[in-house]
Amino acid sequence: MGLVECRVFSGHGSDAGRDELEQQQEAWQILIVEDDQRLAQLTRDYLEGNGLRVAIEANGAKAAARILAEQPDLVMLDLMLPGEDGLSICRKIRNGYKGPVLMLTARTDDMDQVLGLEMGADDYVCKPVRPRVLLARIRALLRRQGSEAERDDGEPRRLQFGLLVVDKAMREAWLGEQSIELTSAEFDLLWLLAVNAGRILSREEIFAALRGIEYDGQDRSIDVRISRIRPKIGDDPMHPRLIKTVRSKGYLFVAEAAEALSARDAAPTAG
């Protein structure tokens, strides 16, 4: 399967009348890790025609080192690569690369998608994907990543619940004196839940806030990330007290439970 539906590539596909945000995309650097050079080039042409700067890496064995050295604003990472597969690369870079990772897979198997998210991917798309859909996913990830430092919407910049501290400005979290290792997507989800402590957030609300798209009723990425966040913040995955699942409604961050964390509980699990 190709990365994109080639029939859509009839040129650069530039959109007239870009808004101010899209004009700022010229500063954003994308690294495509894809071994199909023709499709990678077509994708680069389309993305560059829409204001992004794009580089290509075809060798999976070289990809991790290049990502860590260059620190692109976003990585598009194919699951199946020569030299080293995308899951292994994602696992290697997560501690040293803080940008978003968009995983690409030719298979629709839920397990592939879940594994990608568990390895630290921020989002995934199944091949073939329409270029406009791909561009929208990329813009959503970059907008979420790049706008945090510039926003001044009246929200607090740091939240503290007992031993748990979540700092939006630094995009870091701590449990006691120990830093919590979170992917970019995990941090965004934790912050969204924490800043709405005491209020049930539906999956529809979470998707709209974090990804700018409508929840399709089947995507499991939010559930996977919740399951990864819980042990990292000292919550019991089997009997959660901090982030509760409210059946048929969504998720609830319980501030009182977080504030009651004892030193004995403060042992976050590394991702």
C-alpha atoms as a PDB file:
ATOM      1  CA  MET A   1       0.000   0.000   0.000  1.00  0.00           C
ATOM      2  CA  GLY A   2       1.229   3.490  -0.702  1.00  0.00           C
ATOM      3  CA  LEU A   3       1.537   6.243   1.789  1.00  0.00           C
ATOM      4  CA  VAL A   4      -1.077   8.332   0.014  1.00  0.00           C
ATOM      5  CA  GLU A   5      -3.677   8.037  -2.695  1.00  0.00           C
ATOM      6  CA  CYS A   6      -1.541   9.112  -5.646  1.00  0.00           C
ATOM      7  CA  ARG A   7      -4.476  10.377  -7.702  1.00  0.00           C
ATOM      8  CA  VAL A   8      -4.741  13.345  -5.354  1.00  0.00           C
ATOM      9  CA  PHE A   9      -1.200  14.494  -6.141  1.00  0.00           C
ATOM     10  CA  SER A  10      -1.809  16.586  -9.229  1.00  0.00           C
ATOM     11  CA  GLY A  11       0.633  19.289  -8.136  1.00  0.00           C
ATOM     12  CA  HIS A  12       1.542  20.944  -4.893  1.00  0.00           C
ATOM     13  CA  GLY A  13      -2.059  21.397  -3.837  1.00  0.00           C
ATOM     14  CA  SER A  14      -1.440  24.753  -2.145  1.00  0.00           C
ATOM     15  CA  ASP A  15      -4.479  26.261  -0.453  1.00  0.00           C
ATOM     16  CA  ALA A  16      -5.311  29.881  -1.250  1.00  0.00           C
ATOM     17  CA  GLY A  17      -5.893  32.327   1.566  1.00  0.00           C
ATOM     18  CA  ARG A  18      -3.911  30.599   4.318  1.00  0.00           C
ATOM     19  CA  ASP A  19      -4.574  32.023   7.729  1.00  0.00           C
ATOM     20  CA  GLU A  20      -1.887  33.392  10.024  1.00  0.00           C
ATOM     21  CA  LEU A  21      -1.250  30.020  11.634  1.00  0.00           C
ATOM     22  CA  GLU A  22      -0.608  28.332   8.310  1.00  0.00           C
ATOM     23  CA  GLN A  23       1.806  31.102   7.342  1.00  0.00           C
ATOM     24  CA  GLN A  24       3.832  30.254  10.421  1.00  0.00           C
ATOM     25  CA  GLN A  25       4.264  26.672   9.201  1.00  0.00           C
ATOM     26  CA  GLU A  26       7.232  27.710   7.084  1.00  0.00           C
ATOM     27  CA  ALA A  27       9.335  27.350  10.231  1.00  0.00           C
ATOM     28  CA  TRP A  28       8.160  23.791  10.865  1.00  0.00           C
ATOM     29  CA  GLN A  29      10.497  20.966   9.845  1.00  0.00           C
ATOM     30  CA  ILE A  30       9.061  17.507   9.108  1.00  0.00           C
ATOM     31  CA  LEU A  31      11.114  14.318   8.792  1.00  0.00           C
ATOM     32  CA  ILE A  32       9.466  11.537   6.763  1.00  0.00           C
ATOM     33  CA  VAL A  33      10.883   8.094   7.589  1.00  0.00           C
ATOM     34  CA  GLU A  34       9.671   6.035   4.624  1.00  0.00           C
ATOM     35  CA  ASP A  35      11.501   3.562   2.380  1.00  0.00           C
ATOM     36  CA  ASP A  36       9.270   4.053  -0.688  1.00  0.00           C
ATOM     37  CA  GLN A  37      11.154   6.944  -2.228  1.00  0.00           C
ATOM     38  CA  ARG A  38       8.573   7.780  -4.889  1.00  0.00           C
ATOM     39  CA  LEU A  39       5.743   8.109  -2.419  1.00  0.00           C
ATOM     40  CA  ALA A  40       7.938   9.899   0.099  1.00  0.00           C
ATOM     41  CA  GLN A  41       8.854  12.430  -2.592  1.00  0.00           C
ATOM     42  CA  LEU A  42       5.212  12.932  -3.590  1.00  0.00           C
ATOM     43  CA  THR A  43       4.337  13.503   0.033  1.00  0.00           C
ATOM     44  CA  ARG A  44       7.196  15.960   0.452  1.00  0.00           C
ATOM     45  CA  ASP A  45       6.089  17.908  -2.623  1.00  0.00           C
ATOM     46  CA  TYR A  46       2.552  18.208  -1.282  1.00  0.00           C
ATOM     47  CA  LEU A  47       3.596  19.220   2.236  1.00  0.00           C
ATOM     48  CA  GLU A  48       6.171  21.713   0.990  1.00  0.00           C
ATOM     49  CA  GLY A  49       3.502  23.159  -1.281  1.00  0.00           C
ATOM     50  CA  ASN A  50       1.507  23.801   1.880  1.00  0.00           C
ATOM     51  CA  GLY A  51       4.242  25.681   3.715  1.00  0.00           C
ATOM     52  CA  LEU A  52       6.175  22.944   5.521  1.00  0.00           C
ATOM     53  CA  ARG A  53       9.876  22.086   5.260  1.00  0.00           C
ATOM     54  CA  VAL A  54      10.395  18.358   4.693  1.00  0.00           C
ATOM     55  CA  ALA A  55      13.321  15.931   4.759  1.00  0.00           C
ATOM     56  CA  ILE A  56      13.278  12.192   3.987  1.00  0.00           C
ATOM     57  CA  GLU A  57      15.055   9.248   5.627  1.00  0.00           C
ATOM     58  CA  ALA A  58      14.661   5.849   3.940  1.00  0.00           C
ATOM     59  CA  ASN A  59      16.864   3.723   6.186  1.00  0.00           C
ATOM     60  CA  GLY A  60      15.313   2.566   9.433  1.00  0.00           C
ATOM     61  CA  ALA A  61      18.715   1.764  10.919  1.00  0.00           C
ATOM     62  CA  LYS A  62      19.755   5.416  10.578  1.00  0.00           C
ATOM     63  CA  ALA A  63      16.436   7.018  11.489  1.00  0.00           C
ATOM     64  CA  ALA A  64      16.695   7.095  15.302  1.00  0.00           C
ATOM     65  CA  ALA A  65      20.104   8.767  15.319  1.00  0.00           C
ATOM     66  CA  ARG A  66      18.980  11.318  12.756  1.00  0.00           C
ATOM     67  CA  ILE A  67      15.801  12.186  14.658  1.00  0.00           C
ATOM     68  CA  LEU A  68      17.707  12.704  17.899  1.00  0.00           C
ATOM     69  CA  ALA A  69      20.407  14.759  16.183  1.00  0.00           C
ATOM     70  CA  GLU A  70      18.144  16.993  14.069  1.00  0.00           C
ATOM     71  CA  GLN A  71      15.134  17.262  16.432  1.00  0.00           C
ATOM     72  CA  PRO A  72      12.536  17.959  13.694  1.00  0.00           C
ATOM     73  CA  ASP A  73       9.238  19.508  14.720  1.00  0.00           C
ATOM     74  CA  LEU A  74       7.381  16.348  13.698  1.00  0.00           C
ATOM     75  CA  VAL A  75       8.323  12.830  12.576  1.00  0.00           C
ATOM     76  CA  MET A  76       6.222  10.789  10.159  1.00  0.00           C
ATOM     77  CA  LEU A  77       7.330   7.247  10.897  1.00  0.00           C
ATOM     78  CA  ASP A  78       6.428   4.243   8.744  1.00  0.00           C
ATOM     79  CA  LEU A  79       5.806   1.038  10.671  1.00  0.00           C
ATOM     80  CA  MET A  80       7.527  -1.281   8.157  1.00  0.00           C
ATOM     81  CA  LEU A  81      11.069  -0.209   7.287  1.00  0.00           C
ATOM     82  CA  PRO A  82      14.296  -1.862   6.146  1.00  0.00           C
ATOM     83  CA  GLY A  83      16.998  -2.010   8.787  1.00  0.00           C
ATOM     84  CA  GLU A  84      14.765  -1.323  11.790  1.00  0.00           C
ATOM     85  CA  ASP A  85      10.993  -1.185  12.195  1.00  0.00           C
ATOM     86  CA  GLY A  86       9.047   1.881  13.237  1.00  0.00           C
ATOM     87  CA  LEU A  87       8.074   0.532  16.659  1.00  0.00           C
ATOM     88  CA  SER A  88      11.711  -0.016  17.619  1.00  0.00           C
ATOM     89  CA  ILE A  89      12.669   3.452  16.364  1.00  0.00           C
ATOM     90  CA  CYS A  90       9.828   5.061  18.305  1.00  0.00           C
ATOM     91  CA  ARG A  91      10.892   3.297  21.488  1.00  0.00           C
ATOM     92  CA  LYS A  92      14.498   4.458  21.046  1.00  0.00           C
ATOM     93  CA  ILE A  93      13.735   8.127  20.510  1.00  0.00           C
ATOM     94  CA  ARG A  94      11.002   8.795  23.044  1.00  0.00           C
ATOM     95  CA  ASN A  95      13.268   9.821  25.927  1.00  0.00           C
ATOM     96  CA  GLY A  96      15.384  12.117  23.771  1.00  0.00           C
ATOM     97  CA  TYR A  97      12.828  13.500  21.320  1.00  0.00           C
ATOM     98  CA  LYS A  98       9.946  15.630  22.593  1.00  0.00           C
ATOM     99  CA  GLY A  99       8.221  16.390  19.288  1.00  0.00           C
ATOM    100  CA  PRO A 100       5.150  14.543  17.999  1.00  0.00           C
ATOM    101  CA  VAL A 101       5.438  11.223  16.155  1.00  0.00           C
ATOM    102  CA  LEU A 102       2.830  10.365  13.522  1.00  0.00           C
ATOM    103  CA  MET A 103       2.914   6.616  12.896  1.00  0.00           C
ATOM    104  CA  LEU A 104       2.048   5.255   9.448  1.00  0.00           C
ATOM    105  CA  THR A 105       0.783   1.724   8.958  1.00  0.00           C
ATOM    106  CA  ALA A 106      -0.499  -0.202   5.947  1.00  0.00           C
ATOM    107  CA  ARG A 107      -2.547  -2.462   8.208  1.00  0.00           C
ATOM    108  CA  THR A 108      -5.782  -1.665   9.989  1.00  0.00           C
ATOM    109  CA  ASP A 109      -5.132  -4.183  12.780  1.00  0.00           C
ATOM    110  CA  ASP A 110      -5.932  -2.575  16.129  1.00  0.00           C
ATOM    111  CA  MET A 111      -2.894  -4.235  17.693  1.00  0.00           C
ATOM    112  CA  ASP A 112      -0.506  -2.381  15.381  1.00  0.00           C
ATOM    113  CA  GLN A 113      -2.126   0.899  16.333  1.00  0.00           C
ATOM    114  CA  VAL A 114      -2.129   0.107  20.049  1.00  0.00           C
ATOM    115  CA  LEU A 115       1.528  -0.962  19.952  1.00  0.00           C
ATOM    116  CA  GLY A 116       2.452   2.248  18.167  1.00  0.00           C
ATOM    117  CA  LEU A 117       0.704   4.336  20.817  1.00  0.00           C
ATOM    118  CA  GLU A 118       2.288   2.316  23.619  1.00  0.00           C
ATOM    119  CA  MET A 119       5.722   2.912  22.125  1.00  0.00           C
ATOM    120  CA  GLY A 120       5.061   6.653  22.302  1.00  0.00           C
ATOM    121  CA  ALA A 121       3.457   7.616  18.974  1.00  0.00           C
ATOM    122  CA  ASP A 122       1.189  10.661  19.245  1.00  0.00           C
ATOM    123  CA  ASP A 123      -1.142   9.718  16.401  1.00  0.00           C
ATOM    124  CA  TYR A 124      -1.415   7.207  13.567  1.00  0.00           C
ATOM    125  CA  VAL A 125      -2.850   7.019  10.089  1.00  0.00           C
ATOM    126  CA  CYS A 126      -3.571   3.981   7.961  1.00  0.00           C
ATOM    127  CA  LYS A 127      -2.311   3.851   4.384  1.00  0.00           C
ATOM    128  CA  PRO A 128      -3.438   4.928   1.896  1.00  0.00           C
ATOM    129  CA  VAL A 129      -4.433   8.295   3.306  1.00  0.00           C
ATOM    130  CA  ARG A 130      -5.799  11.302   1.463  1.00  0.00           C
ATOM    131  CA  PRO A 131      -3.215  14.105   1.403  1.00  0.00           C
ATOM    132  CA  ARG A 132      -5.638  16.655   2.857  1.00  0.00           C
ATOM    133  CA  VAL A 133      -6.382  14.311   5.756  1.00  0.00           C
ATOM    134  CA  LEU A 134      -2.669  13.760   6.329  1.00  0.00           C
ATOM    135  CA  LEU A 135      -2.036  17.506   6.243  1.00  0.00           C
ATOM    136  CA  ALA A 136      -4.852  18.098   8.726  1.00  0.00           C
ATOM    137  CA  ARG A 137      -3.408  15.532  11.149  1.00  0.00           C
ATOM    138  CA  ILE A 138       0.055  17.100  10.848  1.00  0.00           C
ATOM    139  CA  ARG A 139      -1.293  20.620  11.387  1.00  0.00           C
ATOM    140  CA  ALA A 140      -3.246  19.496  14.452  1.00  0.00           C
ATOM    141  CA  LEU A 141      -0.137  17.926  16.024  1.00  0.00           C
ATOM    142  CA  LEU A 142       2.064  20.925  15.215  1.00  0.00           C
ATOM    143  CA  ARG A 143      -0.548  23.419  16.366  1.00  0.00           C
ATOM    144  CA  ARG A 144      -0.857  21.603  19.673  1.00  0.00           C
ATOM    145  CA  GLN A 145       2.913  21.417  20.035  1.00  0.00           C
ATOM    146  CA  GLY A 146       3.800  24.903  18.878  1.00  0.00           C
ATOM    147  CA  SER A 147       1.108  27.086  20.361  1.00  0.00           C
ATOM    148  CA  GLU A 148       1.439  26.151  24.024  1.00  0.00           C
ATOM    149  CA  ALA A 149       4.162  28.694  24.804  1.00  0.00           C
ATOM    150  CA  GLU A 150       2.291  31.486  23.024  1.00  0.00           C
ATOM    151  CA  ARG A 151      -1.174  30.965  24.457  1.00  0.00           C
ATOM    152  CA  ASP A 152      -2.445  33.220  27.220  1.00  0.00           C
ATOM    153  CA  ASP A 153      -6.003  32.091  27.684  1.00  0.00           C
ATOM    154  CA  GLY A 154      -6.321  32.627  31.412  1.00  0.00           C
ATOM    155  CA  GLU A 155      -5.554  29.015  32.293  1.00  0.00           C
ATOM    156  CA  PRO A 156      -3.123  28.372  35.147  1.00  0.00           C
ATOM    157  CA  ARG A 157       0.381  27.502  34.027  1.00  0.00           C
ATOM    158  CA  ARG A 158       1.054  25.031  36.839  1.00  0.00           C
ATOM    159  CA  LEU A 159      -1.230  22.683  38.747  1.00  0.00           C
ATOM    160  CA  GLN A 160      -0.377  20.903  41.981  1.00  0.00           C
ATOM    161  CA  PHE A 161      -2.305  18.106  43.661  1.00  0.00           C
ATOM    162  CA  GLY A 162      -0.327  16.982  46.672  1.00  0.00           C
ATOM    163  CA  LEU A 163       2.834  15.349  45.327  1.00  0.00           C
ATOM    164  CA  LEU A 164       1.693  15.582  41.715  1.00  0.00           C
ATOM    165  CA  VAL A 165       2.777  18.708  39.843  1.00  0.00           C
ATOM    166  CA  VAL A 166       1.900  19.393  36.186  1.00  0.00           C
ATOM    167  CA  ASP A 167       3.594  22.412  34.588  1.00  0.00           C
ATOM    168  CA  LYS A 168       2.092  23.581  31.312  1.00  0.00           C
ATOM    169  CA  ALA A 169       4.769  26.169  30.539  1.00  0.00           C
ATOM    170  CA  MET A 170       7.597  23.651  30.917  1.00  0.00           C
ATOM    171  CA  ARG A 171       5.466  20.756  29.595  1.00  0.00           C
ATOM    172  CA  GLU A 172       6.725  18.589  32.427  1.00  0.00           C
ATOM    173  CA  ALA A 173       5.241  16.748  35.379  1.00  0.00           C
ATOM    174  CA  TRP A 174       6.649  15.514  38.670  1.00  0.00           C
ATOM    175  CA  LEU A 175       5.569  13.108  41.371  1.00  0.00           C
ATOM    176  CA  GLY A 176       7.327  14.270  44.489  1.00  0.00           C
ATOM    177  CA  GLU A 177      10.873  15.088  43.382  1.00  0.00           C
ATOM    178  CA  GLN A 178      10.855  12.572  40.538  1.00  0.00           C
ATOM    179  CA  SER A 179      10.239  13.702  36.978  1.00  0.00           C
ATOM    180  CA  ILE A 180       7.538  11.769  35.122  1.00  0.00           C
ATOM    181  CA  GLU A 181       8.409  10.629  31.602  1.00  0.00           C
ATOM    182  CA  LEU A 182       5.484  11.559  29.356  1.00  0.00           C
ATOM    183  CA  THR A 183       5.154  11.711  25.612  1.00  0.00           C
ATOM    184  CA  SER A 184       3.841  14.953  24.147  1.00  0.00           C
ATOM    185  CA  ALA A 185       0.385  13.436  23.679  1.00  0.00           C
ATOM    186  CA  GLU A 186       0.353  11.975  27.186  1.00  0.00           C
ATOM    187  CA  PHE A 187       1.242  15.341  28.692  1.00  0.00           C
ATOM    188  CA  ASP A 188      -1.509  17.101  26.748  1.00  0.00           C
ATOM    189  CA  LEU A 189      -4.070  14.553  27.887  1.00  0.00           C
ATOM    190  CA  LEU A 190      -2.929  14.699  31.533  1.00  0.00           C
ATOM    191  CA  TRP A 191      -3.079  18.501  31.486  1.00  0.00           C
ATOM    192  CA  LEU A 192      -6.552  18.510  29.932  1.00  0.00           C
ATOM    193  CA  LEU A 193      -7.862  16.132  32.590  1.00  0.00           C
ATOM    194  CA  ALA A 194      -6.113  17.940  35.447  1.00  0.00           C
ATOM    195  CA  VAL A 195      -7.210  21.448  34.451  1.00  0.00           C
ATOM    196  CA  ASN A 196     -10.780  20.075  34.301  1.00  0.00           C
ATOM    197  CA  ALA A 197     -10.484  18.247  37.644  1.00  0.00           C
ATOM    198  CA  GLY A 198     -13.867  17.263  39.020  1.00  0.00           C
ATOM    199  CA  ARG A 199     -15.585  17.347  35.625  1.00  0.00           C
ATOM    200  CA  ILE A 200     -16.236  14.293  33.461  1.00  0.00           C
ATOM    201  CA  LEU A 201     -14.739  14.701  30.006  1.00  0.00           C
ATOM    202  CA  SER A 202     -16.268  12.617  27.245  1.00  0.00           C
ATOM    203  CA  ARG A 203     -14.137  11.069  24.525  1.00  0.00           C
ATOM    204  CA  GLU A 204     -15.787  13.486  22.103  1.00  0.00           C
ATOM    205  CA  GLU A 205     -14.598  16.462  24.172  1.00  0.00           C
ATOM    206  CA  ILE A 206     -11.107  15.043  24.512  1.00  0.00           C
ATOM    207  CA  PHE A 207     -10.773  14.407  20.779  1.00  0.00           C
ATOM    208  CA  ALA A 208     -12.046  17.871  19.932  1.00  0.00           C
ATOM    209  CA  ALA A 209      -9.646  19.520  22.393  1.00  0.00           C
ATOM    210  CA  LEU A 210      -6.525  17.526  21.571  1.00  0.00           C
ATOM    211  CA  ARG A 211      -6.870  16.541  17.943  1.00  0.00           C
ATOM    212  CA  GLY A 212      -9.393  18.923  16.472  1.00  0.00           C
ATOM    213  CA  ILE A 213     -11.368  16.097  14.912  1.00  0.00           C
ATOM    214  CA  GLU A 214     -14.621  14.333  15.675  1.00  0.00           C
ATOM    215  CA  TYR A 215     -14.459  11.090  17.639  1.00  0.00           C
ATOM    216  CA  ASP A 216     -15.398   8.185  15.374  1.00  0.00           C
ATOM    217  CA  GLY A 217     -16.427   5.834  18.169  1.00  0.00           C
ATOM    218  CA  GLN A 218     -13.679   3.331  17.394  1.00  0.00           C
ATOM    219  CA  ASP A 219     -10.337   5.057  17.986  1.00  0.00           C
ATOM    220  CA  ARG A 220      -8.636   3.596  21.071  1.00  0.00           C
ATOM    221  CA  SER A 221      -5.787   6.074  21.397  1.00  0.00           C
ATOM    222  CA  ILE A 222      -7.305   7.941  24.361  1.00  0.00           C
ATOM    223  CA  ASP A 223      -7.876   4.705  26.288  1.00  0.00           C
ATOM    224  CA  VAL A 224      -4.318   3.540  25.597  1.00  0.00           C
ATOM    225  CA  ARG A 225      -2.842   6.817  26.802  1.00  0.00           C
ATOM    226  CA  ILE A 226      -4.968   6.811  29.955  1.00  0.00           C
ATOM    227  CA  SER A 227      -3.700   3.306  30.754  1.00  0.00           C
ATOM    228  CA  ARG A 228      -0.101   4.523  30.325  1.00  0.00           C
ATOM    229  CA  ILE A 229      -0.546   7.721  32.329  1.00  0.00           C
ATOM    230  CA  ARG A 230      -2.127   6.101  35.379  1.00  0.00           C
ATOM    231  CA  PRO A 231       0.914   4.201  36.723  1.00  0.00           C
ATOM    232  CA  LYS A 232       3.208   7.092  35.868  1.00  0.00           C
ATOM    233  CA  ILE A 233       1.314   9.446  38.202  1.00  0.00           C
ATOM    234  CA  GLY A 234       0.994   6.921  41.016  1.00  0.00           C
ATOM    235  CA  ASP A 235      -2.496   5.688  40.155  1.00  0.00           C
ATOM    236  CA  ASP A 236      -3.468   2.025  40.430  1.00  0.00           C
ATOM    237  CA  PRO A 237      -4.248   0.743  36.900  1.00  0.00           C
ATOM    238  CA  MET A 238      -6.501  -2.015  38.272  1.00  0.00           C
ATOM    239  CA  HIS A 239      -8.356   0.204  40.746  1.00  0.00           C
ATOM    240  CA  PRO A 240      -7.786   3.780  39.594  1.00  0.00           C
ATOM    241  CA  ARG A 241      -8.481   6.590  42.044  1.00  0.00           C
ATOM    242  CA  LEU A 242      -6.945   9.593  40.263  1.00  0.00           C
ATOM    243  CA  ILE A 243      -8.233   9.125  36.712  1.00  0.00           C
ATOM    244  CA  LYS A 244     -11.526   7.290  36.864  1.00  0.00           C
ATOM    245  CA  THR A 245     -13.409   5.762  33.966  1.00  0.00           C
ATOM    246  CA  VAL A 246     -17.062   6.768  34.180  1.00  0.00           C
ATOM    247  CA  ARG A 247     -19.002   4.171  32.254  1.00  0.00           C
ATOM    248  CA  SER A 248     -20.688   5.481  29.100  1.00  0.00           C
ATOM    249  CA  LYS A 249     -19.592   9.037  29.923  1.00  0.00           C
ATOM    250  CA  GLY A 250     -15.808   9.427  29.812  1.00  0.00           C
ATOM    251  CA  TYR A 251     -12.954  10.154  32.220  1.00  0.00           C
ATOM    252  CA  LEU A 252     -12.772  12.062  35.495  1.00  0.00           C
ATOM    253  CA  PHE A 253      -9.657  13.448  37.191  1.00  0.00           C
ATOM    254  CA  VAL A 254     -10.236  13.310  40.971  1.00  0.00           C
ATOM    255  CA  ALA A 255      -8.275  16.130  42.574  1.00  0.00           C
ATOM    256  CA  GLU A 256      -8.887  14.928  46.119  1.00  0.00           C
ATOM    257  CA  ALA A 257      -7.414  11.512  45.339  1.00  0.00           C
ATOM    258  CA  ALA A 258      -4.335  13.089  43.747  1.00  0.00           C
ATOM    259  CA  GLU A 259      -3.811  15.385  46.723  1.00  0.00           C
ATOM    260  CA  ALA A 260      -4.016  12.377  49.048  1.00  0.00           C
ATOM    261  CA  LEU A 261      -1.078  10.641  47.366  1.00  0.00           C
ATOM    262  CA  SER A 262       1.414   9.549  50.022  1.00  0.00           C
ATOM    263  CA  ALA A 263       5.157   9.252  49.646  1.00  0.00           C
ATOM    264  CA  ARG A 264       4.663   5.493  49.559  1.00  0.00           C
ATOM    265  CA  ASP A 265       2.572   5.881  46.394  1.00  0.00           C
ATOM    266  CA  ALA A 266       5.051   8.193  44.668  1.00  0.00           C
ATOM    267  CA  ALA A 267       6.833   5.694  42.458  1.00  0.00           C
ATOM    268  CA  PRO A 268       6.035   6.576  38.841  1.00  0.00           C
ATOM    269  CA  THR A 269       6.639   3.965  36.198  1.00  0.00           C
ATOM    270  CA  ALA A 270       8.999   4.936  33.329  1.00  0.00           C
ATOM    271  CA  GLY A 271       7.487   4.806  29.832  1.00  0.00           C
END
